[in-house]
Amino acid sequence: MDQISPPKSEALTELAARVRHDLACLDYPARPWVRPHRHPEGHVYDVLIVGGGQSGLAAAFGLVREKVENILVLDENPEGQEGPG
C-alpha cells in the first residue's frame, strides 16, 4: 500500500517547524552569552582589543559574529586615520 503524502502546505508547515527546532538546538542566531557587568566608576567592556589594524579588526569582527558585542578597539592613530592601511 502506498503512503499518502500530506498536502504541500501541510508539508511546508512541518518542514518550517523542523527548521525552527533544528535552529533552536543549534542556538542560532546565538544569543549574547556574556553577562553585563557594572562598576561605579564607569562602563565595563567584555573585551578590550589593543590595536586597530587588520588583526585587531578581524578579532573584533569574529567576536561580534559570536554575539560578544560589548568590545572596545583601541588604535594609536588619530580619529579618521585608524585601522588597516
N, C-alpha and C. Protein backbone atom coordinates (compact mmCIF):
# COMPACT_ATOMS: atom_id res chain seq x y z
N MET A 1 0.85 -1.18 0.00
CA MET A 1 0.00 0.00 0.00
C MET A 1 0.89 1.24 0.00
N ASP A 2 0.59 2.20 -0.87
CA ASP A 2 1.35 3.45 -0.95
C ASP A 2 0.97 4.38 0.20
N GLN A 3 1.99 5.08 0.68
CA GLN A 3 1.74 6.06 1.74
C GLN A 3 1.23 7.34 1.10
N ILE A 4 0.21 7.92 1.67
CA ILE A 4 -0.39 9.15 1.13
C ILE A 4 0.40 10.34 1.64
N SER A 5 0.85 11.20 0.73
CA SER A 5 1.60 12.40 1.08
C SER A 5 0.67 13.48 1.59
N PRO A 6 1.13 14.24 2.60
CA PRO A 6 0.30 15.35 3.07
C PRO A 6 0.25 16.44 2.01
N PRO A 7 -0.77 17.29 2.05
CA PRO A 7 -0.82 18.41 1.12
C PRO A 7 0.43 19.27 1.23
N LYS A 8 0.77 19.96 0.16
CA LYS A 8 2.01 20.76 0.14
C LYS A 8 2.07 21.77 1.27
N SER A 9 0.97 22.46 1.53
CA SER A 9 1.00 23.48 2.59
C SER A 9 1.26 22.84 3.95
N GLU A 10 0.72 21.66 4.19
CA GLU A 10 0.95 20.97 5.45
C GLU A 10 2.41 20.50 5.54
N ALA A 11 2.95 20.02 4.44
CA ALA A 11 4.34 19.57 4.40
C ALA A 11 5.28 20.75 4.66
N LEU A 12 4.98 21.90 4.08
CA LEU A 12 5.80 23.09 4.31
C LEU A 12 5.73 23.55 5.75
N THR A 13 4.56 23.45 6.34
CA THR A 13 4.39 23.82 7.74
C THR A 13 5.23 22.89 8.63
N GLU A 14 5.20 21.58 8.33
CA GLU A 14 6.00 20.63 9.09
C GLU A 14 7.49 20.89 8.91
N LEU A 15 7.89 21.20 7.67
CA LEU A 15 9.29 21.48 7.40
C LEU A 15 9.75 22.74 8.14
N ALA A 16 8.92 23.78 8.14
CA ALA A 16 9.26 25.02 8.84
C ALA A 16 9.40 24.76 10.34
N ALA A 17 8.53 23.92 10.89
CA ALA A 17 8.63 23.59 12.32
C ALA A 17 9.92 22.83 12.60
N ARG A 18 10.30 21.94 11.71
CA ARG A 18 11.54 21.18 11.88
C ARG A 18 12.77 22.10 11.82
N VAL A 19 12.75 23.05 10.88
CA VAL A 19 13.85 24.01 10.76
C VAL A 19 13.96 24.85 12.03
N ARG A 20 12.82 25.34 12.54
CA ARG A 20 12.83 26.11 13.79
C ARG A 20 13.42 25.28 14.93
N HIS A 21 13.02 24.02 15.01
CA HIS A 21 13.54 23.13 16.06
C HIS A 21 15.05 22.94 15.91
N ASP A 22 15.51 22.67 14.71
CA ASP A 22 16.94 22.46 14.47
C ASP A 22 17.76 23.70 14.81
N LEU A 23 17.26 24.87 14.41
CA LEU A 23 17.98 26.12 14.71
C LEU A 23 17.99 26.39 16.21
N ALA A 24 16.91 26.05 16.89
CA ALA A 24 16.88 26.22 18.34
C ALA A 24 17.91 25.31 19.01
N CYS A 25 18.06 24.07 18.48
CA CYS A 25 19.06 23.15 19.03
C CYS A 25 20.47 23.68 18.82
N LEU A 26 20.68 24.36 17.70
CA LEU A 26 22.00 24.94 17.40
C LEU A 26 22.21 26.28 18.07
N ASP A 27 21.15 26.82 18.68
CA ASP A 27 21.17 28.15 19.29
C ASP A 27 21.56 29.19 18.25
N TYR A 28 20.90 29.16 17.11
CA TYR A 28 21.17 30.11 16.03
C TYR A 28 19.93 30.94 15.77
N PRO A 29 19.98 32.22 15.66
CA PRO A 29 21.16 33.02 15.89
C PRO A 29 21.51 33.01 17.37
N ALA A 30 22.78 33.02 17.63
CA ALA A 30 23.26 32.92 19.02
C ALA A 30 22.79 34.10 19.84
N ARG A 31 22.45 33.82 21.06
CA ARG A 31 22.10 34.90 21.99
C ARG A 31 23.38 35.39 22.66
N PRO A 32 23.40 36.65 23.08
CA PRO A 32 24.57 37.12 23.82
C PRO A 32 24.83 36.21 25.02
N TRP A 33 26.07 35.78 25.19
CA TRP A 33 26.36 34.84 26.27
C TRP A 33 27.24 35.43 27.37
N VAL A 34 27.65 36.68 27.22
CA VAL A 34 28.44 37.33 28.26
C VAL A 34 27.51 38.22 29.08
N ARG A 35 27.48 37.97 30.39
CA ARG A 35 26.61 38.77 31.25
C ARG A 35 27.20 40.16 31.44
N PRO A 36 26.36 41.19 31.40
CA PRO A 36 26.87 42.55 31.60
C PRO A 36 27.37 42.76 33.04
N HIS A 37 28.41 43.55 33.16
CA HIS A 37 28.98 43.89 34.47
C HIS A 37 28.87 45.39 34.68
N ARG A 38 28.68 45.77 35.91
CA ARG A 38 28.58 47.20 36.24
C ARG A 38 29.68 47.55 37.24
N HIS A 39 30.14 48.79 37.12
CA HIS A 39 31.13 49.29 38.07
C HIS A 39 30.79 50.75 38.35
N PRO A 40 30.89 51.18 39.60
CA PRO A 40 30.51 52.56 39.92
C PRO A 40 31.35 53.61 39.20
N GLU A 41 32.54 53.26 38.75
CA GLU A 41 33.41 54.24 38.10
C GLU A 41 33.20 54.35 36.60
N GLY A 42 32.36 53.51 36.01
CA GLY A 42 32.10 53.65 34.58
C GLY A 42 31.81 52.34 33.89
N HIS A 43 31.79 52.42 32.58
CA HIS A 43 31.43 51.29 31.72
C HIS A 43 32.47 50.16 31.82
N VAL A 44 32.00 48.93 31.81
CA VAL A 44 32.88 47.76 31.84
C VAL A 44 32.73 47.03 30.51
N TYR A 45 33.81 46.93 29.75
CA TYR A 45 33.80 46.21 28.48
C TYR A 45 34.05 44.73 28.72
N ASP A 46 33.49 43.91 27.86
CA ASP A 46 33.76 42.47 27.93
C ASP A 46 35.13 42.16 27.33
N VAL A 47 35.50 42.89 26.29
CA VAL A 47 36.78 42.67 25.61
C VAL A 47 37.38 44.01 25.23
N LEU A 48 38.69 44.13 25.43
CA LEU A 48 39.44 45.30 25.00
C LEU A 48 40.51 44.81 24.04
N ILE A 49 40.49 45.31 22.82
CA ILE A 49 41.47 44.92 21.81
C ILE A 49 42.40 46.10 21.60
N VAL A 50 43.68 45.88 21.84
CA VAL A 50 44.67 46.93 21.67
C VAL A 50 45.29 46.74 20.29
N GLY A 51 44.99 47.69 19.40
CA GLY A 51 45.48 47.63 18.03
C GLY A 51 44.32 47.49 17.06
N GLY A 52 44.11 48.53 16.29
CA GLY A 52 43.00 48.53 15.34
C GLY A 52 43.44 48.23 13.93
N GLY A 53 44.52 47.48 13.79
CA GLY A 53 44.96 47.07 12.46
C GLY A 53 44.13 45.90 11.95
N GLN A 54 44.65 45.24 10.94
CA GLN A 54 43.91 44.15 10.31
C GLN A 54 43.58 43.03 11.31
N SER A 55 44.53 42.65 12.13
CA SER A 55 44.29 41.56 13.09
C SER A 55 43.31 41.98 14.18
N GLY A 56 43.46 43.20 14.69
CA GLY A 56 42.55 43.68 15.73
C GLY A 56 41.12 43.78 15.23
N LEU A 57 40.95 44.30 14.01
CA LEU A 57 39.61 44.40 13.45
C LEU A 57 39.02 43.04 13.13
N ALA A 58 39.86 42.10 12.68
CA ALA A 58 39.39 40.74 12.41
C ALA A 58 38.94 40.07 13.71
N ALA A 59 39.70 40.28 14.78
CA ALA A 59 39.31 39.73 16.08
C ALA A 59 37.98 40.32 16.54
N ALA A 60 37.82 41.63 16.38
CA ALA A 60 36.57 42.29 16.76
C ALA A 60 35.41 41.76 15.93
N PHE A 61 35.61 41.58 14.64
CA PHE A 61 34.56 41.06 13.77
C PHE A 61 34.15 39.66 14.20
N GLY A 62 35.14 38.81 14.51
CA GLY A 62 34.83 37.45 14.95
C GLY A 62 34.05 37.43 16.25
N LEU A 63 34.41 38.32 17.17
CA LEU A 63 33.68 38.40 18.44
C LEU A 63 32.24 38.86 18.22
N VAL A 64 32.04 39.85 17.38
CA VAL A 64 30.69 40.35 17.12
C VAL A 64 29.84 39.26 16.48
N ARG A 65 30.44 38.47 15.58
CA ARG A 65 29.70 37.35 14.97
C ARG A 65 29.26 36.34 16.00
N GLU A 66 30.00 36.23 17.09
CA GLU A 66 29.66 35.29 18.16
C GLU A 66 28.84 35.95 19.27
N LYS A 67 28.32 37.12 18.99
CA LYS A 67 27.45 37.87 19.91
C LYS A 67 28.17 38.38 21.16
N VAL A 68 29.48 38.65 21.02
CA VAL A 68 30.21 39.37 22.06
C VAL A 68 30.37 40.78 21.49
N GLU A 69 29.43 41.66 21.84
CA GLU A 69 29.36 42.96 21.18
C GLU A 69 29.82 44.13 22.04
N ASN A 70 30.06 43.89 23.31
CA ASN A 70 30.47 44.95 24.22
C ASN A 70 31.99 45.01 24.23
N ILE A 71 32.55 45.48 23.11
CA ILE A 71 34.01 45.49 22.94
C ILE A 71 34.49 46.90 22.63
N LEU A 72 35.77 47.11 22.87
CA LEU A 72 36.41 48.38 22.54
C LEU A 72 37.71 48.06 21.82
N VAL A 73 37.90 48.68 20.66
CA VAL A 73 39.14 48.52 19.90
C VAL A 73 39.90 49.84 19.99
N LEU A 74 41.12 49.77 20.49
CA LEU A 74 41.96 50.97 20.62
C LEU A 74 43.00 50.98 19.51
N ASP A 75 43.26 52.17 18.98
CA ASP A 75 44.27 52.34 17.94
C ASP A 75 45.06 53.60 18.27
N GLU A 76 46.36 53.57 18.04
CA GLU A 76 47.19 54.72 18.40
C GLU A 76 47.04 55.90 17.44
N ASN A 77 46.51 55.67 16.27
CA ASN A 77 46.36 56.75 15.28
C ASN A 77 45.19 57.66 15.64
N PRO A 78 45.24 58.90 15.18
CA PRO A 78 44.13 59.83 15.44
C PRO A 78 42.85 59.38 14.73
N GLU A 79 41.72 59.87 15.25
CA GLU A 79 40.43 59.53 14.68
C GLU A 79 40.41 59.85 13.18
N GLY A 80 39.91 58.92 12.40
CA GLY A 80 39.84 59.09 10.96
C GLY A 80 41.03 58.47 10.24
N GLN A 81 42.09 58.17 10.98
CA GLN A 81 43.28 57.55 10.39
C GLN A 81 43.55 56.17 10.99
N GLU A 82 42.62 55.69 11.83
CA GLU A 82 42.81 54.40 12.45
C GLU A 82 42.48 53.27 11.47
N GLY A 83 42.82 52.07 11.86
CA GLY A 83 42.50 50.89 11.05
C GLY A 83 43.65 50.52 10.11
N PRO A 84 43.40 49.47 9.32
CA PRO A 84 44.46 49.00 8.43
C PRO A 84 44.77 49.99 7.31
N GLY A 85 45.99 49.97 6.90
CA GLY A 85 46.34 50.80 5.74
C GLY A 85 47.02 52.04 6.14
